[in-house]
Amino acid sequence: MIITFILFIAGLLLLVKGADYFVEGGGGLAARYGVSPTTIGLTVIAFGTSLPEFGVSINALLSGDQGIATGNIIGSNIANIALVLAICAFIKPAIVHSSVERKGRFSLGDEAYLMIAATVIFAAFAVTGTIGFIGGVVFLTAFILILIYLWKNGAVESEDVISHGKKDYIFIIGGLLGVVAGSQLLLMSSISIAQFFGIPSFIIGMSMVAVGTSLPELMTSLVAILKNQGGISVGNLFGSNIFNLFFVLGIGALLTPVTIPSYSDVLIMCGFTAGGLLLFAGNEKFTRFFAVVLLAGYFLYMALLFMS
């Protein structure tokens, strides 16, 4: 079991570092073509930081472990809002609020509505207990339409994303390799841990795997918020949630029917997603207070998962 935990940590490190390199390279390429930071956060960086979820969930679906696959996606979306966004809002509420104050046609309101829409559509399909081929087609079509909208309507901002020249391609390739290897290690070790302790794989996916695969979002958003890049930080999280639901589960549903073990957890994800928008509804004092409420709710939810 010690070796299994070592492999789990090694898989996480490969995932985080691989996603980090992908973000560096992808952001650099996007910057070269003059794409706005928020749009980068919602597309390229959200894709990079969601690669761990993609790798783990697709590997789990192909290996027949539906619990880890769906638990990872639902748990990651909850963690992105109730853990990562809440931490960012608590540390620098002013920067989080500044991400809604931008000029141009595209605003945070659109980002938020897109994330809410993706969550509601997923919940509607999940109510049957299984997302099949048709659901996968709908998810991927919606994802493509969202990408087209974002790239056409992204506002131009002053946040800096640096291009690394030809190194961007090396970062992207190396990052992808790290994510693929890390996701495989994380999946195998997670299944072993679940079997050893007799814990349902869905719970492992909702907790350990979800938090582990959300580490890239946490690190990327924290770094962005500390650099006063609120657009990238918030855009990364909202885009990641859209990516997880529409792209990852869309691809997964095309490969094999995706089973939803617990619809109550889907509703809890919807609740946390809607609650996260309250971080932008009040002044900075309220934002910091509600960030604490979200964090407390998240840890209480995790505790109830294991107690059940």
Protein backbone atom coordinates (compact mmCIF):
# COMPACT_ATOMS: atom_id res chain seq x y z
CA MET A 1 0.00 0.00 0.00
CA ILE A 2 2.96 2.35 0.61
CA ILE A 3 4.04 1.84 -3.00
CA THR A 4 0.47 2.59 -4.13
CA PHE A 5 0.46 5.92 -2.28
CA ILE A 6 3.86 6.76 -3.79
CA LEU A 7 2.47 6.05 -7.26
CA PHE A 8 -0.57 8.21 -6.43
CA ILE A 9 1.69 11.14 -5.48
CA ALA A 10 3.91 10.57 -8.52
CA GLY A 11 0.85 10.58 -10.76
CA LEU A 12 -0.35 13.85 -9.22
CA LEU A 13 3.06 15.47 -9.69
CA LEU A 14 3.18 14.43 -13.34
CA LEU A 15 -0.36 15.72 -13.88
CA VAL A 16 0.28 19.07 -12.22
CA LYS A 17 3.65 19.67 -13.88
CA GLY A 18 2.43 18.45 -17.24
CA ALA A 19 -0.59 20.72 -17.12
CA ASP A 20 1.64 23.60 -15.99
CA TYR A 21 3.88 23.22 -19.05
CA PHE A 22 0.84 22.94 -21.31
CA VAL A 23 -0.58 26.15 -19.85
CA GLU A 24 2.73 27.94 -20.42
CA GLY A 25 2.96 26.78 -24.01
CA GLY A 26 -0.70 27.22 -24.88
CA GLY A 27 -0.88 30.65 -23.31
CA GLY A 28 2.26 31.68 -25.17
CA LEU A 29 0.87 30.59 -28.53
CA ALA A 30 -2.44 32.34 -27.90
CA ALA A 31 -0.61 35.52 -26.86
CA ARG A 32 1.35 35.42 -30.11
CA TYR A 33 -1.92 35.65 -32.04
CA GLY A 34 -3.26 38.52 -29.93
CA VAL A 35 -6.02 36.67 -28.07
CA SER A 36 -7.28 38.32 -24.86
CA PRO A 37 -6.20 36.85 -21.47
CA THR A 38 -9.75 36.08 -20.35
CA THR A 39 -10.45 34.22 -23.57
CA ILE A 40 -7.15 32.40 -23.09
CA GLY A 41 -8.24 31.50 -19.57
CA LEU A 42 -11.59 30.21 -20.79
CA THR A 43 -10.15 28.18 -23.67
CA VAL A 44 -6.45 27.34 -23.90
CA ILE A 45 -5.61 27.48 -20.19
CA ALA A 46 -8.91 25.90 -19.12
CA PHE A 47 -8.16 23.08 -21.56
CA GLY A 48 -4.65 22.66 -20.16
CA THR A 49 -5.68 22.68 -16.51
CA SER A 50 -8.52 20.26 -17.29
CA LEU A 51 -6.26 17.75 -19.02
CA PRO A 52 -5.89 15.76 -15.76
CA GLU A 53 -9.67 15.35 -15.54
CA PHE A 54 -9.75 14.37 -19.20
CA GLY A 55 -6.93 11.84 -18.85
CA VAL A 56 -8.23 10.23 -15.67
CA SER A 57 -11.92 10.14 -16.67
CA ILE A 58 -11.38 8.79 -20.19
CA ASN A 59 -8.94 6.17 -18.92
CA ALA A 60 -11.43 5.19 -16.21
CA LEU A 61 -14.32 4.92 -18.68
CA LEU A 62 -12.28 2.77 -21.07
CA SER A 63 -11.24 0.51 -18.18
CA GLY A 64 -14.86 0.17 -17.04
CA ASP A 65 -14.62 2.15 -13.79
CA GLN A 66 -17.57 4.52 -14.14
CA GLY A 67 -17.40 5.62 -10.50
CA ILE A 68 -13.99 7.26 -10.72
CA ALA A 69 -14.80 8.80 -14.12
CA THR A 70 -18.04 10.54 -13.15
CA GLY A 71 -16.98 11.18 -9.56
CA ASN A 72 -13.85 12.91 -10.84
CA ILE A 73 -15.82 15.27 -13.11
CA ILE A 74 -18.55 16.14 -10.60
CA GLY A 75 -16.06 16.45 -7.74
CA SER A 76 -13.67 18.58 -9.78
CA ASN A 77 -16.41 21.03 -10.77
CA ILE A 78 -17.43 21.36 -7.13
CA ALA A 79 -13.80 21.83 -6.07
CA ASN A 80 -13.18 24.47 -8.76
CA ILE A 81 -15.92 26.68 -7.31
CA ALA A 82 -16.20 25.86 -3.61
CA LEU A 83 -12.46 25.34 -3.06
CA VAL A 84 -10.34 27.09 -5.72
CA LEU A 85 -12.53 30.12 -6.53
CA ALA A 86 -13.38 30.55 -2.85
CA ILE A 87 -9.68 30.58 -1.90
CA CYS A 88 -8.91 33.13 -4.63
CA ALA A 89 -11.83 35.31 -3.55
CA PHE A 90 -10.74 35.17 0.08
CA ILE A 91 -7.13 36.08 -0.70
CA LYS A 92 -7.87 38.94 -3.11
CA PRO A 93 -11.57 39.79 -3.37
CA ALA A 94 -10.78 43.03 -5.19
CA ILE A 95 -9.01 41.18 -8.00
CA VAL A 96 -11.89 38.73 -8.37
CA HIS A 97 -14.29 41.66 -8.64
CA SER A 98 -12.03 43.41 -11.15
CA SER A 99 -12.48 40.49 -13.55
CA VAL A 100 -16.07 41.68 -14.18
CA GLU A 101 -15.00 45.25 -14.88
CA ARG A 102 -13.82 45.05 -18.44
CA LYS A 103 -14.50 46.95 -21.59
CA GLY A 104 -15.87 45.44 -24.78
CA ARG A 105 -18.65 43.06 -25.72
CA PHE A 106 -17.60 40.10 -23.61
CA SER A 107 -18.06 40.17 -19.84
CA LEU A 108 -18.00 37.86 -16.87
CA GLY A 109 -21.77 37.73 -17.02
CA ASP A 110 -21.50 35.76 -20.25
CA GLU A 111 -18.91 33.42 -18.77
CA ALA A 112 -21.08 32.77 -15.74
CA TYR A 113 -24.20 32.13 -17.82
CA LEU A 114 -22.31 29.73 -20.06
CA MET A 115 -21.09 27.75 -17.05
CA ILE A 116 -24.58 27.70 -15.51
CA ALA A 117 -26.08 26.63 -18.84
CA ALA A 118 -23.55 23.79 -19.18
CA THR A 119 -24.32 22.64 -15.64
CA VAL A 120 -28.09 22.70 -16.18
CA ILE A 121 -27.87 20.85 -19.51
CA PHE A 122 -25.65 18.19 -17.93
CA ALA A 123 -28.09 17.82 -15.02
CA ALA A 124 -31.00 17.42 -17.45
CA PHE A 125 -29.26 14.58 -19.28
CA ALA A 126 -28.00 13.00 -16.06
CA VAL A 127 -31.50 12.68 -14.56
CA THR A 128 -32.00 9.43 -16.54
CA GLY A 129 -28.94 7.92 -14.83
CA THR A 130 -27.02 7.42 -18.07
CA ILE A 131 -25.56 9.75 -20.68
CA GLY A 132 -25.48 7.98 -24.04
CA PHE A 133 -24.27 8.68 -27.56
CA ILE A 134 -26.88 11.37 -28.27
CA GLY A 135 -25.90 13.17 -25.07
CA GLY A 136 -22.27 13.06 -26.15
CA VAL A 137 -23.13 14.62 -29.51
CA VAL A 138 -25.15 17.38 -27.82
CA PHE A 139 -22.35 18.11 -25.33
CA LEU A 140 -19.62 18.30 -27.99
CA THR A 141 -21.77 20.43 -30.30
CA ALA A 142 -22.49 22.85 -27.46
CA PHE A 143 -18.79 22.92 -26.56
CA ILE A 144 -17.79 23.81 -30.13
CA LEU A 145 -20.42 26.57 -30.31
CA ILE A 146 -19.17 28.02 -27.01
CA LEU A 147 -15.58 28.00 -28.28
CA ILE A 148 -16.60 29.81 -31.46
CA TYR A 149 -18.52 32.41 -29.45
CA LEU A 150 -15.66 33.00 -27.01
CA TRP A 151 -12.98 33.40 -29.64
CA LYS A 152 -15.13 35.78 -31.67
CA ASN A 153 -16.29 37.92 -28.75
CA GLY A 154 -13.34 37.96 -26.31
CA ALA A 155 -12.51 41.45 -25.04
CA VAL A 156 -9.05 42.96 -25.30
CA GLU A 157 -7.49 43.55 -21.89
CA SER A 158 -4.23 44.66 -20.34
CA GLU A 159 -3.24 41.46 -18.53
CA ASP A 160 0.06 40.04 -19.75
CA VAL A 161 0.56 36.54 -21.10
CA ILE A 162 4.08 35.95 -22.37
CA SER A 163 5.05 34.05 -25.51
CA HIS A 164 8.13 31.81 -25.20
CA GLY A 165 8.82 31.53 -28.92
CA LYS A 166 9.55 28.02 -30.19
CA LYS A 167 9.68 26.73 -26.61
CA ASP A 168 5.87 26.96 -26.54
CA TYR A 169 5.66 23.87 -28.77
CA ILE A 170 8.05 21.94 -26.52
CA PHE A 171 6.01 22.94 -23.46
CA ILE A 172 2.79 21.72 -25.10
CA ILE A 173 4.20 18.35 -26.18
CA GLY A 174 6.00 17.74 -22.88
CA GLY A 175 2.93 18.79 -20.93
CA LEU A 176 0.67 16.40 -22.81
CA LEU A 177 3.07 13.50 -22.22
CA GLY A 178 3.19 14.29 -18.51
CA VAL A 179 -0.60 14.41 -18.27
CA VAL A 180 -1.04 11.09 -20.07
CA ALA A 181 1.51 9.29 -17.88
CA GLY A 182 0.31 10.95 -14.69
CA SER A 183 -3.35 10.20 -15.31
CA GLN A 184 -2.59 6.51 -15.81
CA LEU A 185 -0.59 6.31 -12.57
CA LEU A 186 -3.29 8.21 -10.67
CA LEU A 187 -6.06 5.99 -12.00
CA MET A 188 -4.33 2.70 -11.16
CA SER A 189 -3.32 3.81 -7.67
CA SER A 190 -6.79 5.28 -6.92
CA ILE A 191 -8.49 2.01 -7.80
CA SER A 192 -6.05 0.12 -5.56
CA ILE A 193 -6.66 2.51 -2.65
CA ALA A 194 -10.44 2.20 -3.04
CA GLN A 195 -10.25 -1.60 -3.08
CA PHE A 196 -7.89 -1.75 -0.11
CA PHE A 197 -10.09 0.39 2.15
CA GLY A 198 -13.39 -0.87 0.76
CA ILE A 199 -14.44 2.62 -0.33
CA PRO A 200 -16.69 2.94 -3.41
CA SER A 201 -14.72 4.20 -6.40
CA PHE A 202 -17.26 7.03 -6.87
CA ILE A 203 -16.33 8.44 -3.44
CA ILE A 204 -12.61 8.19 -4.28
CA GLY A 205 -13.31 9.96 -7.56
CA MET A 206 -15.32 12.70 -5.83
CA SER A 207 -12.67 13.35 -3.20
CA MET A 208 -9.03 12.29 -3.63
CA VAL A 209 -8.99 12.12 -7.43
CA ALA A 210 -11.14 15.23 -7.89
CA VAL A 211 -8.98 17.36 -5.60
CA GLY A 212 -5.83 15.93 -7.17
CA THR A 213 -6.91 16.70 -10.72
CA SER A 214 -8.07 20.18 -9.62
CA LEU A 215 -4.57 21.07 -8.42
CA PRO A 216 -3.64 22.61 -11.82
CA GLU A 217 -6.70 24.89 -11.61
CA LEU A 218 -5.77 25.79 -8.03
CA MET A 219 -2.15 26.58 -8.84
CA THR A 220 -2.93 28.41 -12.10
CA SER A 221 -5.70 30.54 -10.59
CA LEU A 222 -3.70 31.35 -7.46
CA VAL A 223 -0.68 32.42 -9.49
CA ALA A 224 -2.91 34.51 -11.76
CA ILE A 225 -4.70 36.15 -8.83
CA LEU A 226 -1.39 36.98 -7.13
CA LYS A 227 -0.20 38.56 -10.39
CA ASN A 228 -3.39 40.66 -10.48
CA GLN A 229 -4.69 38.72 -13.49
CA GLY A 230 -8.26 38.24 -12.34
CA GLY A 231 -9.55 37.56 -15.84
CA ILE A 232 -7.29 34.55 -16.36
CA SER A 233 -7.98 33.25 -12.85
CA VAL A 234 -11.77 33.37 -13.07
CA GLY A 235 -11.91 32.49 -16.75
CA ASN A 236 -9.77 29.43 -16.11
CA LEU A 237 -12.18 28.07 -13.49
CA PHE A 238 -15.41 28.75 -15.39
CA GLY A 239 -13.91 27.43 -18.60
CA SER A 240 -12.60 24.34 -16.84
CA ASN A 241 -16.09 23.47 -15.56
CA ILE A 242 -17.55 23.86 -19.05
CA PHE A 243 -14.70 21.77 -20.48
CA ASN A 244 -15.22 19.00 -17.92
CA LEU A 245 -18.94 18.65 -18.57
CA PHE A 246 -19.18 19.17 -22.31
CA PHE A 247 -15.82 18.02 -23.70
CA VAL A 248 -14.66 15.30 -21.30
CA LEU A 249 -18.08 13.71 -20.77
CA GLY A 250 -18.98 14.39 -24.40
CA ILE A 251 -15.99 12.38 -25.62
CA GLY A 252 -16.62 9.76 -22.95
CA ALA A 253 -20.29 9.32 -23.93
CA LEU A 254 -19.29 8.76 -27.55
CA LEU A 255 -16.98 5.95 -26.47
CA THR A 256 -19.27 4.26 -23.94
CA PRO A 257 -22.50 5.11 -22.05
CA VAL A 258 -21.62 7.16 -18.97
CA THR A 259 -23.39 6.06 -15.78
CA ILE A 260 -24.29 8.62 -13.09
CA PRO A 261 -24.05 6.75 -9.74
CA SER A 262 -25.64 9.49 -7.61
CA TYR A 263 -27.97 12.21 -8.91
CA SER A 264 -28.04 13.89 -5.50
CA ASP A 265 -24.37 14.76 -5.99
CA VAL A 266 -25.22 16.26 -9.38
CA LEU A 267 -27.75 18.54 -7.64
CA ILE A 268 -25.13 19.46 -5.03
CA MET A 269 -22.75 20.40 -7.87
CA CYS A 270 -25.50 22.62 -9.31
CA GLY A 271 -25.97 24.25 -5.91
CA PHE A 272 -22.27 25.01 -5.43
CA THR A 273 -22.02 26.32 -9.01
CA ALA A 274 -24.91 28.74 -8.51
CA GLY A 275 -23.63 29.69 -5.05
CA GLY A 276 -20.23 30.60 -6.46
CA LEU A 277 -21.79 33.47 -8.39
CA LEU A 278 -22.66 35.15 -5.08
CA LEU A 279 -18.93 35.87 -4.71
CA PHE A 280 -19.48 38.62 -7.30
CA ALA A 281 -22.79 39.90 -5.90
CA GLY A 282 -21.64 42.06 -2.98
CA ASN A 283 -18.80 44.22 -1.75
CA GLU A 284 -15.34 42.89 -0.91
CA LYS A 285 -16.26 42.23 2.73
CA PHE A 286 -19.24 40.11 1.68
CA THR A 287 -17.11 38.31 -0.92
CA ARG A 288 -14.54 37.30 1.69
CA PHE A 289 -17.26 36.20 4.12
CA PHE A 290 -19.08 34.11 1.54
CA ALA A 291 -15.78 32.58 0.42
CA VAL A 292 -15.42 31.22 3.97
CA VAL A 293 -19.00 29.92 3.80
CA LEU A 294 -18.26 28.10 0.54
CA LEU A 295 -15.06 26.58 1.92
CA ALA A 296 -16.86 25.41 5.06
CA GLY A 297 -19.62 23.92 2.93
CA TYR A 298 -17.09 22.11 0.77
CA PHE A 299 -15.24 20.49 3.67
CA LEU A 300 -18.54 19.57 5.34
CA TYR A 301 -19.67 17.92 2.10
CA MET A 302 -16.41 15.95 1.87
CA ALA A 303 -16.84 14.78 5.46
CA LEU A 304 -20.43 13.67 4.81
CA LEU A 305 -19.31 11.74 1.72
CA PHE A 306 -16.95 9.56 3.74
CA MET A 307 -19.34 9.26 6.67
CA SER A 308 -22.03 7.94 4.31
